[in-house]
């Protein structure tokens, strides 16, 4: 039995514009075109994120255990890390809320903002990257683009993803007096592992 909500959502899906019929407008490339790992790391750190640097011979699972020694529930959506909770068992936001460390691979990062992009291709459910206590993001250094202009022009995910999110460090909020609190409404830490 379909509800009115189901019918509305199905009508939206059926009438969604396609990139072939509705090409995105051209965007002039502006700003600094430095897409280096160093610029990405500097921007990431300004926003409270960090790099999970490997110790000689260390696997990603070992690095996560070193960074988050008290973590019991580690859910990995990448082959580089095994974790303790199979990603297939995360089917609801309530399941995601029990995760201490979430591990995902970002298709690309943006150097200017120290941001990583995630979409439904990386997240089994929308809240997978937001309800755990900490997130470790695997990112290829070759997948860093300079800024939003270059990301929009170069990255196919903007044209193919049903939704996407840019994360620039852990959750943060500030009150009117400028007191910054990290991890208030989402992940308490965001670490990038380059691979």
N, C-alpha and C. Protein backbone atom coordinates (compact mmCIF):
# COMPACT_ATOMS: atom_id res chain seq x y z
N UNK A 1 0.84 -1.18 0.00
CA UNK A 1 0.00 0.00 0.00
C UNK A 1 0.89 1.25 0.00
N UNK A 2 0.78 2.05 -1.03
CA UNK A 2 1.57 3.27 -1.14
C UNK A 2 0.89 4.41 -0.39
N UNK A 3 1.72 5.16 0.30
CA UNK A 3 1.23 6.35 0.98
C UNK A 3 1.39 7.53 0.04
N UNK A 4 0.81 8.66 0.42
CA UNK A 4 0.97 9.88 -0.38
C UNK A 4 2.44 10.25 -0.48
N UNK A 5 3.16 10.04 0.61
CA UNK A 5 4.61 10.33 0.62
C UNK A 5 5.33 9.48 -0.42
N UNK A 6 5.02 8.17 -0.45
CA UNK A 6 5.65 7.27 -1.42
C UNK A 6 5.36 7.72 -2.85
N UNK A 7 4.12 8.12 -3.10
CA UNK A 7 3.74 8.56 -4.45
C UNK A 7 4.47 9.83 -4.85
N UNK A 8 4.62 10.77 -3.93
CA UNK A 8 5.34 12.02 -4.21
C UNK A 8 6.80 11.72 -4.50
N UNK A 9 7.42 10.90 -3.66
CA UNK A 9 8.83 10.57 -3.86
C UNK A 9 9.04 9.82 -5.18
N UNK A 10 8.13 8.92 -5.53
CA UNK A 10 8.26 8.19 -6.79
C UNK A 10 8.10 9.14 -7.97
N UNK A 11 7.18 10.10 -7.88
CA UNK A 11 7.01 11.08 -8.95
C UNK A 11 8.27 11.91 -9.13
N UNK A 12 8.93 12.28 -8.01
CA UNK A 12 10.18 13.03 -8.10
C UNK A 12 11.27 12.19 -8.76
N UNK A 13 11.36 10.92 -8.38
CA UNK A 13 12.36 10.04 -8.99
C UNK A 13 12.12 9.88 -10.48
N UNK A 14 10.86 9.71 -10.86
CA UNK A 14 10.51 9.50 -12.27
C UNK A 14 10.79 10.74 -13.13
N UNK A 15 10.75 11.91 -12.54
CA UNK A 15 10.89 13.15 -13.30
C UNK A 15 12.19 13.89 -13.02
N UNK A 16 13.15 13.18 -12.44
CA UNK A 16 14.44 13.79 -12.14
C UNK A 16 15.17 14.12 -13.44
N UNK A 17 15.68 15.34 -13.57
CA UNK A 17 16.43 15.69 -14.78
C UNK A 17 17.68 14.82 -14.92
N UNK A 18 18.02 14.49 -16.14
CA UNK A 18 19.23 13.71 -16.39
C UNK A 18 20.33 14.64 -16.90
N UNK A 19 21.59 14.31 -16.62
CA UNK A 19 22.68 15.17 -17.10
C UNK A 19 22.71 15.32 -18.62
N UNK A 20 22.26 14.28 -19.32
CA UNK A 20 22.25 14.36 -20.78
C UNK A 20 21.27 15.43 -21.28
N UNK A 21 20.12 15.52 -20.63
CA UNK A 21 19.08 16.47 -21.05
C UNK A 21 19.22 17.84 -20.40
N UNK A 22 19.92 17.90 -19.30
CA UNK A 22 20.08 19.16 -18.58
C UNK A 22 21.53 19.31 -18.13
N UNK A 23 22.43 19.65 -19.05
CA UNK A 23 23.84 19.78 -18.67
C UNK A 23 24.04 20.90 -17.65
N UNK A 24 25.02 20.67 -16.79
CA UNK A 24 25.33 21.69 -15.79
C UNK A 24 25.94 22.92 -16.48
N UNK A 25 25.69 24.09 -15.94
CA UNK A 25 26.24 25.29 -16.56
C UNK A 25 27.76 25.34 -16.42
N UNK A 26 28.43 25.99 -17.36
CA UNK A 26 29.89 26.10 -17.24
C UNK A 26 30.26 27.00 -16.05
N UNK A 27 31.36 26.67 -15.44
CA UNK A 27 31.85 27.46 -14.30
C UNK A 27 33.26 27.91 -14.61
N UNK A 28 33.51 29.16 -14.42
CA UNK A 28 34.84 29.70 -14.63
C UNK A 28 35.74 29.23 -13.48
N UNK A 29 36.92 28.74 -13.80
CA UNK A 29 37.85 28.30 -12.77
C UNK A 29 38.50 29.52 -12.13
N UNK A 30 38.32 29.63 -10.84
CA UNK A 30 38.85 30.77 -10.08
C UNK A 30 39.73 30.28 -8.96
N UNK A 31 40.49 31.16 -8.41
CA UNK A 31 41.23 30.87 -7.19
C UNK A 31 42.54 30.14 -7.41
N UNK A 32 43.12 29.77 -6.30
CA UNK A 32 44.41 29.08 -6.27
C UNK A 32 44.22 27.65 -6.79
N UNK A 33 45.02 27.23 -7.73
CA UNK A 33 44.89 25.90 -8.32
C UNK A 33 45.85 24.88 -7.71
N UNK A 34 46.35 25.17 -6.53
CA UNK A 34 47.23 24.24 -5.82
C UNK A 34 46.40 23.09 -5.27
N UNK A 35 46.59 21.89 -5.81
CA UNK A 35 45.86 20.71 -5.36
C UNK A 35 46.79 19.76 -4.61
N UNK A 36 47.75 20.33 -3.90
CA UNK A 36 48.76 19.49 -3.23
C UNK A 36 48.22 18.88 -1.94
N UNK A 37 48.85 17.78 -1.58
CA UNK A 37 48.55 17.11 -0.31
C UNK A 37 48.84 18.07 0.85
N UNK A 38 49.92 18.84 0.74
CA UNK A 38 50.32 19.75 1.82
C UNK A 38 49.24 20.82 2.07
N UNK A 39 48.69 21.38 0.98
CA UNK A 39 47.63 22.39 1.13
C UNK A 39 46.38 21.76 1.74
N UNK A 40 46.05 20.54 1.28
CA UNK A 40 44.89 19.84 1.84
C UNK A 40 45.06 19.63 3.34
N UNK A 41 46.23 19.15 3.75
CA UNK A 41 46.48 18.88 5.18
C UNK A 41 46.40 20.16 6.00
N UNK A 42 47.00 21.24 5.51
CA UNK A 42 46.95 22.51 6.24
C UNK A 42 45.51 22.98 6.43
N UNK A 43 44.70 22.89 5.38
CA UNK A 43 43.30 23.30 5.47
C UNK A 43 42.52 22.38 6.40
N UNK A 44 42.78 21.08 6.31
CA UNK A 44 42.11 20.10 7.16
C UNK A 44 42.37 20.40 8.64
N UNK A 45 43.62 20.71 8.97
CA UNK A 45 43.99 20.97 10.36
C UNK A 45 43.37 22.26 10.90
N UNK A 46 43.24 23.28 10.03
CA UNK A 46 42.58 24.52 10.46
C UNK A 46 41.16 24.23 10.93
N UNK A 47 40.50 23.26 10.30
CA UNK A 47 39.12 22.96 10.63
C UNK A 47 38.97 21.81 11.63
N UNK A 48 40.07 21.44 12.28
CA UNK A 48 39.99 20.46 13.36
C UNK A 48 40.22 19.03 12.95
N UNK A 49 40.42 18.77 11.67
CA UNK A 49 40.73 17.42 11.22
C UNK A 49 42.20 17.11 11.42
N UNK A 50 42.57 15.88 11.15
CA UNK A 50 43.96 15.48 11.34
C UNK A 50 44.31 14.39 10.33
N UNK A 51 45.58 14.11 10.20
CA UNK A 51 46.07 13.05 9.33
C UNK A 51 46.49 11.89 10.22
N UNK A 52 46.07 10.71 9.86
CA UNK A 52 46.47 9.50 10.57
C UNK A 52 47.70 8.96 9.85
N UNK A 53 48.86 9.37 10.35
CA UNK A 53 50.13 8.98 9.72
C UNK A 53 50.51 7.58 10.18
N UNK A 54 50.89 6.71 9.23
CA UNK A 54 51.26 5.36 9.63
C UNK A 54 52.64 5.31 10.28
N UNK A 55 52.78 4.42 11.22
CA UNK A 55 54.07 4.08 11.78
C UNK A 55 54.63 2.98 10.86
N UNK A 56 55.93 2.87 10.75
CA UNK A 56 56.59 1.91 9.85
C UNK A 56 55.92 0.54 9.89
N UNK A 57 55.42 0.08 8.73
CA UNK A 57 54.84 -1.25 8.60
C UNK A 57 53.45 -1.42 9.17
N UNK A 58 52.84 -0.35 9.63
CA UNK A 58 51.55 -0.42 10.31
C UNK A 58 50.40 -0.52 9.30
N UNK A 59 49.42 -1.37 9.63
CA UNK A 59 48.21 -1.46 8.81
C UNK A 59 47.23 -0.39 9.27
N UNK A 60 46.19 -0.18 8.47
CA UNK A 60 45.17 0.79 8.86
C UNK A 60 44.46 0.37 10.13
N UNK A 61 44.16 -0.92 10.29
CA UNK A 61 43.53 -1.39 11.53
C UNK A 61 44.41 -1.08 12.74
N UNK A 62 45.71 -1.28 12.61
CA UNK A 62 46.63 -1.00 13.72
C UNK A 62 46.70 0.50 14.02
N UNK A 63 46.69 1.31 12.96
CA UNK A 63 46.72 2.77 13.15
C UNK A 63 45.45 3.26 13.84
N UNK A 64 44.31 2.69 13.48
CA UNK A 64 43.04 3.06 14.13
C UNK A 64 43.08 2.67 15.60
N UNK A 65 43.59 1.47 15.90
CA UNK A 65 43.69 1.03 17.30
C UNK A 65 44.62 1.93 18.10
N UNK A 66 45.68 2.41 17.45
CA UNK A 66 46.60 3.33 18.13
C UNK A 66 45.93 4.68 18.39
N UNK A 67 45.21 5.20 17.39
CA UNK A 67 44.57 6.51 17.52
C UNK A 67 43.36 6.48 18.47
N UNK A 68 42.61 5.37 18.43
CA UNK A 68 41.39 5.25 19.23
C UNK A 68 41.45 3.97 20.06
N UNK A 69 42.31 3.94 21.09
CA UNK A 69 42.52 2.70 21.84
C UNK A 69 41.29 2.20 22.59
N UNK A 70 40.34 3.07 22.89
CA UNK A 70 39.15 2.64 23.64
C UNK A 70 38.00 2.21 22.72
N UNK A 71 38.18 2.30 21.42
CA UNK A 71 37.10 1.98 20.48
C UNK A 71 36.80 0.48 20.51
N UNK A 72 35.55 0.15 20.67
CA UNK A 72 35.11 -1.25 20.67
C UNK A 72 34.43 -1.61 19.35
N UNK A 73 33.62 -0.69 18.82
CA UNK A 73 32.87 -0.95 17.60
C UNK A 73 33.46 -0.12 16.46
N UNK A 74 34.16 -0.80 15.56
CA UNK A 74 34.78 -0.15 14.40
C UNK A 74 34.12 -0.74 13.16
N UNK A 75 33.47 0.12 12.39
CA UNK A 75 32.76 -0.33 11.20
C UNK A 75 33.46 0.22 9.97
N UNK A 76 33.97 -0.69 9.15
CA UNK A 76 34.73 -0.29 7.97
C UNK A 76 33.96 -0.59 6.69
N UNK A 77 33.95 0.39 5.80
CA UNK A 77 33.36 0.21 4.48
C UNK A 77 34.46 0.24 3.41
N UNK A 78 35.68 -0.14 3.81
CA UNK A 78 36.81 -0.19 2.89
C UNK A 78 37.56 -1.51 3.09
N UNK A 79 38.16 -2.04 2.01
CA UNK A 79 38.92 -3.30 2.16
C UNK A 79 40.21 -3.13 2.95
N UNK A 80 40.72 -1.91 3.08
CA UNK A 80 41.98 -1.68 3.79
C UNK A 80 41.86 -1.90 5.30
N UNK A 81 40.64 -1.88 5.84
CA UNK A 81 40.44 -2.07 7.28
C UNK A 81 39.34 -3.09 7.52
N UNK A 82 39.58 -4.00 8.42
CA UNK A 82 38.60 -5.05 8.72
C UNK A 82 37.53 -4.56 9.68
N UNK A 83 37.94 -3.85 10.74
CA UNK A 83 36.98 -3.40 11.73
C UNK A 83 36.45 -4.54 12.58
N UNK A 84 35.43 -4.24 13.40
CA UNK A 84 34.83 -5.25 14.27
C UNK A 84 33.36 -5.47 13.96
N UNK A 85 32.74 -4.56 13.23
CA UNK A 85 31.33 -4.67 12.87
C UNK A 85 31.21 -4.69 11.35
N UNK A 86 30.68 -5.77 10.78
CA UNK A 86 30.51 -5.80 9.32
C UNK A 86 29.55 -4.69 8.86
N UNK A 87 29.92 -3.99 7.82
CA UNK A 87 29.12 -2.86 7.34
C UNK A 87 27.72 -3.31 6.93
N UNK A 88 27.57 -4.57 6.52
CA UNK A 88 26.27 -5.09 6.10
C UNK A 88 25.26 -5.10 7.25
N UNK A 89 25.74 -5.06 8.48
CA UNK A 89 24.84 -5.06 9.64
C UNK A 89 24.32 -3.67 9.99
N UNK A 90 24.84 -2.64 9.34
CA UNK A 90 24.39 -1.27 9.61
C UNK A 90 23.27 -0.95 8.63
N UNK A 91 22.04 -1.08 9.12
CA UNK A 91 20.88 -0.90 8.26
C UNK A 91 20.01 0.28 8.68
N UNK A 92 20.20 0.77 9.89
CA UNK A 92 19.37 1.87 10.40
C UNK A 92 20.26 2.91 11.08
N UNK A 93 19.76 4.11 11.27
CA UNK A 93 20.53 5.11 12.04
C UNK A 93 20.85 4.63 13.45
N UNK A 94 19.97 3.84 14.02
CA UNK A 94 20.22 3.32 15.37
C UNK A 94 21.44 2.40 15.37
N UNK A 95 21.62 1.64 14.30
CA UNK A 95 22.81 0.79 14.18
C UNK A 95 24.07 1.65 14.09
N UNK A 96 24.00 2.72 13.30
CA UNK A 96 25.15 3.61 13.12
C UNK A 96 25.51 4.33 14.41
N UNK A 97 24.53 4.57 15.26
CA UNK A 97 24.77 5.31 16.51
C UNK A 97 25.62 4.52 17.50
N UNK A 98 25.76 3.22 17.30
CA UNK A 98 26.57 2.40 18.22
C UNK A 98 28.04 2.36 17.82
N UNK A 99 28.38 2.96 16.68
CA UNK A 99 29.74 2.86 16.13
C UNK A 99 30.68 3.84 16.84
N UNK A 100 31.83 3.33 17.24
CA UNK A 100 32.88 4.19 17.80
C UNK A 100 33.70 4.83 16.68
N UNK A 101 34.11 4.03 15.69
CA UNK A 101 34.92 4.53 14.57
C UNK A 101 34.31 4.03 13.27
N UNK A 102 34.02 4.96 12.38
CA UNK A 102 33.54 4.66 11.04
C UNK A 102 34.71 4.84 10.08
N UNK A 103 34.88 3.89 9.14
CA UNK A 103 35.97 3.98 8.18
C UNK A 103 35.36 3.97 6.77
N UNK A 104 35.65 5.01 5.99
CA UNK A 104 35.13 5.12 4.62
C UNK A 104 36.24 5.59 3.70
N UNK A 105 36.05 5.39 2.39
CA UNK A 105 36.96 5.94 1.39
C UNK A 105 36.25 7.08 0.70
N UNK A 106 36.90 8.23 0.64
CA UNK A 106 36.35 9.38 -0.07
C UNK A 106 36.81 9.32 -1.52
N UNK A 107 35.91 9.57 -2.49
CA UNK A 107 36.34 9.57 -3.88
C UNK A 107 37.27 10.73 -4.21
N UNK A 108 37.14 11.85 -3.46
CA UNK A 108 38.05 12.97 -3.66
C UNK A 108 38.04 13.90 -2.47
N UNK A 109 39.07 14.74 -2.41
CA UNK A 109 39.17 15.78 -1.39
C UNK A 109 39.40 17.12 -2.07
N UNK A 110 39.13 18.20 -1.34
CA UNK A 110 39.31 19.54 -1.88
C UNK A 110 40.37 20.26 -1.04
N UNK A 111 41.49 20.60 -1.68
CA UNK A 111 42.64 21.16 -0.97
C UNK A 111 42.32 22.49 -0.29
N UNK A 112 41.60 23.37 -0.97
CA UNK A 112 41.32 24.70 -0.43
C UNK A 112 40.60 24.64 0.91
N UNK A 113 39.71 23.65 1.07
CA UNK A 113 38.88 23.58 2.27
C UNK A 113 39.25 22.41 3.19
N UNK A 114 40.16 21.55 2.76
CA UNK A 114 40.47 20.37 3.56
C UNK A 114 39.26 19.46 3.69
N UNK A 115 38.41 19.46 2.67
CA UNK A 115 37.15 18.71 2.71
C UNK A 115 37.27 17.39 1.97
N UNK A 116 36.43 16.44 2.39
CA UNK A 116 36.29 15.19 1.66
C UNK A 116 34.83 15.08 1.23
N UNK A 117 34.60 14.40 0.10
CA UNK A 117 33.26 14.23 -0.45
C UNK A 117 32.80 12.81 -0.21
N UNK A 118 31.56 12.65 0.26
CA UNK A 118 30.95 11.34 0.43
C UNK A 118 29.55 11.37 -0.17
N UNK A 119 29.13 10.24 -0.74
CA UNK A 119 27.78 10.13 -1.29
C UNK A 119 27.23 8.75 -0.94
N UNK A 120 26.09 8.41 -1.53
CA UNK A 120 25.48 7.11 -1.26
C UNK A 120 26.38 5.95 -1.68
N UNK A 121 27.35 6.20 -2.55
CA UNK A 121 28.27 5.14 -2.96
C UNK A 121 29.19 4.71 -1.81
N UNK A 122 29.47 5.61 -0.89
CA UNK A 122 30.35 5.29 0.24
C UNK A 122 29.57 5.01 1.53
N UNK A 123 28.32 5.43 1.59
CA UNK A 123 27.55 5.35 2.83
C UNK A 123 26.39 4.36 2.68
N UNK A 124 26.40 3.26 3.43
CA UNK A 124 25.30 2.30 3.33
C UNK A 124 23.95 2.92 3.73
N UNK A 125 23.98 3.84 4.67
CA UNK A 125 22.82 4.67 5.01
C UNK A 125 23.33 6.10 5.17
N UNK A 126 22.48 7.08 4.98
CA UNK A 126 22.91 8.49 4.99
C UNK A 126 23.66 8.87 6.25
N UNK A 127 23.24 8.36 7.39
CA UNK A 127 23.82 8.77 8.67
C UNK A 127 25.10 8.02 9.03
N UNK A 128 25.56 7.13 8.18
CA UNK A 128 26.74 6.30 8.47
C UNK A 128 27.97 7.14 8.83
N UNK A 129 28.17 8.25 8.16
CA UNK A 129 29.35 9.09 8.39
C UNK A 129 29.17 10.11 9.50
N UNK A 130 27.99 10.17 10.10
CA UNK A 130 27.71 11.26 11.02
C UNK A 130 27.36 10.83 12.45
N UNK A 131 26.92 9.60 12.63
CA UNK A 131 26.46 9.20 13.97
C UNK A 131 27.51 8.49 14.80
N UNK A 132 28.56 7.99 14.18
CA UNK A 132 29.64 7.38 14.96
C UNK A 132 30.40 8.44 15.74
N UNK A 133 31.23 8.01 16.65
CA UNK A 133 32.00 8.94 17.47
C UNK A 133 33.17 9.57 16.69
N UNK A 134 33.80 8.76 15.84
CA UNK A 134 34.98 9.21 15.10
C UNK A 134 34.88 8.67 13.67
N UNK A 135 35.51 9.36 12.73
CA UNK A 135 35.54 8.88 11.35
C UNK A 135 36.97 8.92 10.84
N UNK A 136 37.35 7.84 10.18
CA UNK A 136 38.63 7.75 9.51
C UNK A 136 38.32 7.65 8.02
N UNK A 137 38.90 8.56 7.26
CA UNK A 137 38.63 8.65 5.83
C UNK A 137 39.88 8.26 5.05
N UNK A 138 39.75 7.26 4.21
CA UNK A 138 40.85 6.85 3.33
C UNK A 138 40.75 7.72 2.08
N UNK A 139 41.86 8.35 1.70
CA UNK A 139 41.87 9.26 0.57
C UNK A 139 43.15 9.07 -0.24
N UNK A 140 43.00 8.95 -1.53
CA UNK A 140 44.16 8.87 -2.40
C UNK A 140 44.72 10.28 -2.60
N UNK A 141 46.03 10.48 -2.44
CA UNK A 141 46.62 11.80 -2.68
C UNK A 141 46.39 12.28 -4.11
N UNK A 142 46.20 11.35 -5.03
CA UNK A 142 45.93 11.71 -6.43
C UNK A 142 44.50 12.18 -6.65
N UNK A 143 43.65 12.02 -5.65
CA UNK A 143 42.24 12.38 -5.78
C UNK A 143 41.93 13.73 -5.11
N UNK A 144 42.95 14.55 -4.94
CA UNK A 144 42.75 15.88 -4.35
C UNK A 144 42.63 16.89 -5.48
N UNK A 145 41.58 17.69 -5.44
CA UNK A 145 41.39 18.75 -6.42
C UNK A 145 41.60 20.09 -5.71
N UNK A 146 41.84 21.14 -6.46
CA UNK A 146 42.26 22.42 -5.87
C UNK A 146 41.17 23.11 -5.06
N UNK A 147 39.98 23.28 -5.66
CA UNK A 147 38.93 24.06 -4.99
C UNK A 147 37.56 23.61 -5.48
N UNK A 148 36.51 24.29 -5.05
CA UNK A 148 35.15 23.92 -5.45
C UNK A 148 34.95 24.05 -6.96
N UNK A 149 35.58 25.04 -7.57
CA UNK A 149 35.44 25.22 -9.02
C UNK A 149 36.00 24.01 -9.76
N UNK A 150 37.19 23.56 -9.38
CA UNK A 150 37.79 22.43 -10.06
C UNK A 150 37.03 21.14 -9.72
N UNK A 151 36.55 21.02 -8.48
CA UNK A 151 35.76 19.83 -8.11
C UNK A 151 34.51 19.74 -8.96
N UNK A 152 33.83 20.86 -9.12
CA UNK A 152 32.60 20.91 -9.91
C UNK A 152 32.86 20.54 -11.36
N UNK A 153 33.99 20.99 -11.89
CA UNK A 153 34.30 20.74 -13.30
C UNK A 153 34.89 19.36 -13.54
N UNK A 154 35.72 18.88 -12.63
CA UNK A 154 36.50 17.67 -12.89
C UNK A 154 35.91 16.39 -12.32
N UNK A 155 35.16 16.49 -11.24
CA UNK A 155 34.74 15.28 -10.54
C UNK A 155 33.37 14.80 -11.03
N UNK A 156 33.28 13.58 -11.52
CA UNK A 156 32.00 13.07 -12.02
C UNK A 156 30.95 12.86 -10.93
N UNK A 157 31.39 12.75 -9.67
CA UNK A 157 30.45 12.49 -8.57
C UNK A 157 29.40 13.59 -8.45
N UNK A 158 29.74 14.83 -8.80
CA UNK A 158 28.76 15.91 -8.73
C UNK A 158 27.62 15.68 -9.73
N UNK A 159 27.89 14.93 -10.77
CA UNK A 159 26.87 14.69 -11.80
C UNK A 159 26.14 13.36 -11.60
N UNK A 160 26.76 12.43 -10.89
CA UNK A 160 26.19 11.09 -10.78
C UNK A 160 25.59 10.77 -9.40
N UNK A 161 26.05 11.44 -8.36
CA UNK A 161 25.56 11.12 -7.01
C UNK A 161 24.13 11.63 -6.81
N UNK A 162 23.33 10.83 -6.12
CA UNK A 162 21.97 11.28 -5.76
C UNK A 162 22.03 12.34 -4.68
N UNK A 163 23.02 12.22 -3.81
CA UNK A 163 23.27 13.26 -2.81
C UNK A 163 24.74 13.19 -2.46
N UNK A 164 25.23 14.24 -1.88
CA UNK A 164 26.62 14.26 -1.48
C UNK A 164 26.81 15.19 -0.30
N UNK A 165 27.86 14.93 0.44
CA UNK A 165 28.19 15.76 1.59
C UNK A 165 29.69 16.04 1.56
N UNK A 166 30.05 17.28 1.87
CA UNK A 166 31.45 17.65 2.04
C UNK A 166 31.70 17.77 3.54
N UNK A 167 32.67 17.03 4.04
CA UNK A 167 33.02 17.10 5.46
C UNK A 167 34.39 17.76 5.58
N UNK A 168 34.46 18.77 6.42
CA UNK A 168 35.71 19.50 6.65
C UNK A 168 36.05 19.42 8.13
N UNK A 169 36.52 18.29 8.55
CA UNK A 169 36.85 18.12 9.96
C UNK A 169 35.66 17.61 10.74
N UNK A 170 35.80 17.51 12.05
CA UNK A 170 34.72 17.01 12.89
C UNK A 170 33.60 18.03 13.01
N UNK A 171 32.49 17.58 13.53
CA UNK A 171 31.37 18.48 13.80
C UNK A 171 31.84 19.60 14.72
N UNK A 172 31.32 20.79 14.50
CA UNK A 172 31.72 21.93 15.35
C UNK A 172 30.58 22.92 15.45
N UNK A 173 30.52 23.62 16.56
CA UNK A 173 29.54 24.68 16.74
C UNK A 173 30.18 25.74 17.64
N UNK A 174 29.71 26.96 17.50
CA UNK A 174 30.23 28.05 18.34
C UNK A 174 29.06 28.90 18.80
N UNK A 175 29.12 29.36 20.03
CA UNK A 175 28.06 30.24 20.51
C UNK A 175 28.37 31.68 20.12
N UNK A 176 27.53 32.57 20.52
CA UNK A 176 27.65 33.97 20.11
C UNK A 176 28.94 34.62 20.63
N UNK A 177 29.50 34.08 21.68
CA UNK A 177 30.75 34.62 22.23
C UNK A 177 31.96 33.98 21.56
N UNK A 178 31.71 33.08 20.60
CA UNK A 178 32.81 32.50 19.84
C UNK A 178 33.48 31.31 20.50
N UNK A 179 32.83 30.68 21.47
CA UNK A 179 33.40 29.50 22.10
C UNK A 179 33.14 28.31 21.17
N UNK A 180 34.20 27.73 20.65
CA UNK A 180 34.09 26.63 19.69
C UNK A 180 34.08 25.30 20.41
N UNK A 181 33.11 24.47 20.05
CA UNK A 181 32.99 23.12 20.61
C UNK A 181 32.99 22.15 19.45
N UNK A 182 33.90 21.18 19.47
CA UNK A 182 33.97 20.18 18.41
C UNK A 182 33.25 18.91 18.86
N UNK A 183 32.60 18.27 17.89
CA UNK A 183 31.91 17.02 18.18
C UNK A 183 30.57 17.20 18.84
N UNK A 184 29.97 18.37 18.73
CA UNK A 184 28.70 18.65 19.41
C UNK A 184 27.52 17.94 18.77
N UNK A 185 27.47 17.90 17.45
CA UNK A 185 26.31 17.32 16.76
C UNK A 185 26.69 16.22 15.79
N UNK A 186 27.88 15.75 15.82
CA UNK A 186 28.32 14.71 14.88
C UNK A 186 29.61 14.12 15.36
N UNK A 187 30.43 13.66 14.41
CA UNK A 187 31.67 12.99 14.78
C UNK A 187 32.58 13.91 15.60
N UNK A 188 33.26 13.32 16.57
CA UNK A 188 34.16 14.09 17.44
C UNK A 188 35.53 14.28 16.83
N UNK A 189 35.90 13.41 15.89
CA UNK A 189 37.18 13.59 15.21
C UNK A 189 37.08 13.04 13.79
N UNK A 190 37.84 13.66 12.89
CA UNK A 190 37.95 13.22 11.51
C UNK A 190 39.43 13.09 11.20
N UNK A 191 39.84 11.90 10.83
CA UNK A 191 41.24 11.63 10.49
C UNK A 191 41.31 11.11 9.07
N UNK A 192 42.32 11.56 8.32
CA UNK A 192 42.52 11.12 6.96
C UNK A 192 43.74 10.22 6.89
N UNK A 193 43.56 9.07 6.25
CA UNK A 193 44.61 8.11 5.99
C UNK A 193 44.85 8.12 4.49
N UNK A 194 46.05 8.50 4.07
CA UNK A 194 46.35 8.59 2.65
C UNK A 194 46.76 7.21 2.11
N UNK A 195 46.02 6.74 1.13
CA UNK A 195 46.34 5.45 0.50
C UNK A 195 45.67 5.37 -0.86
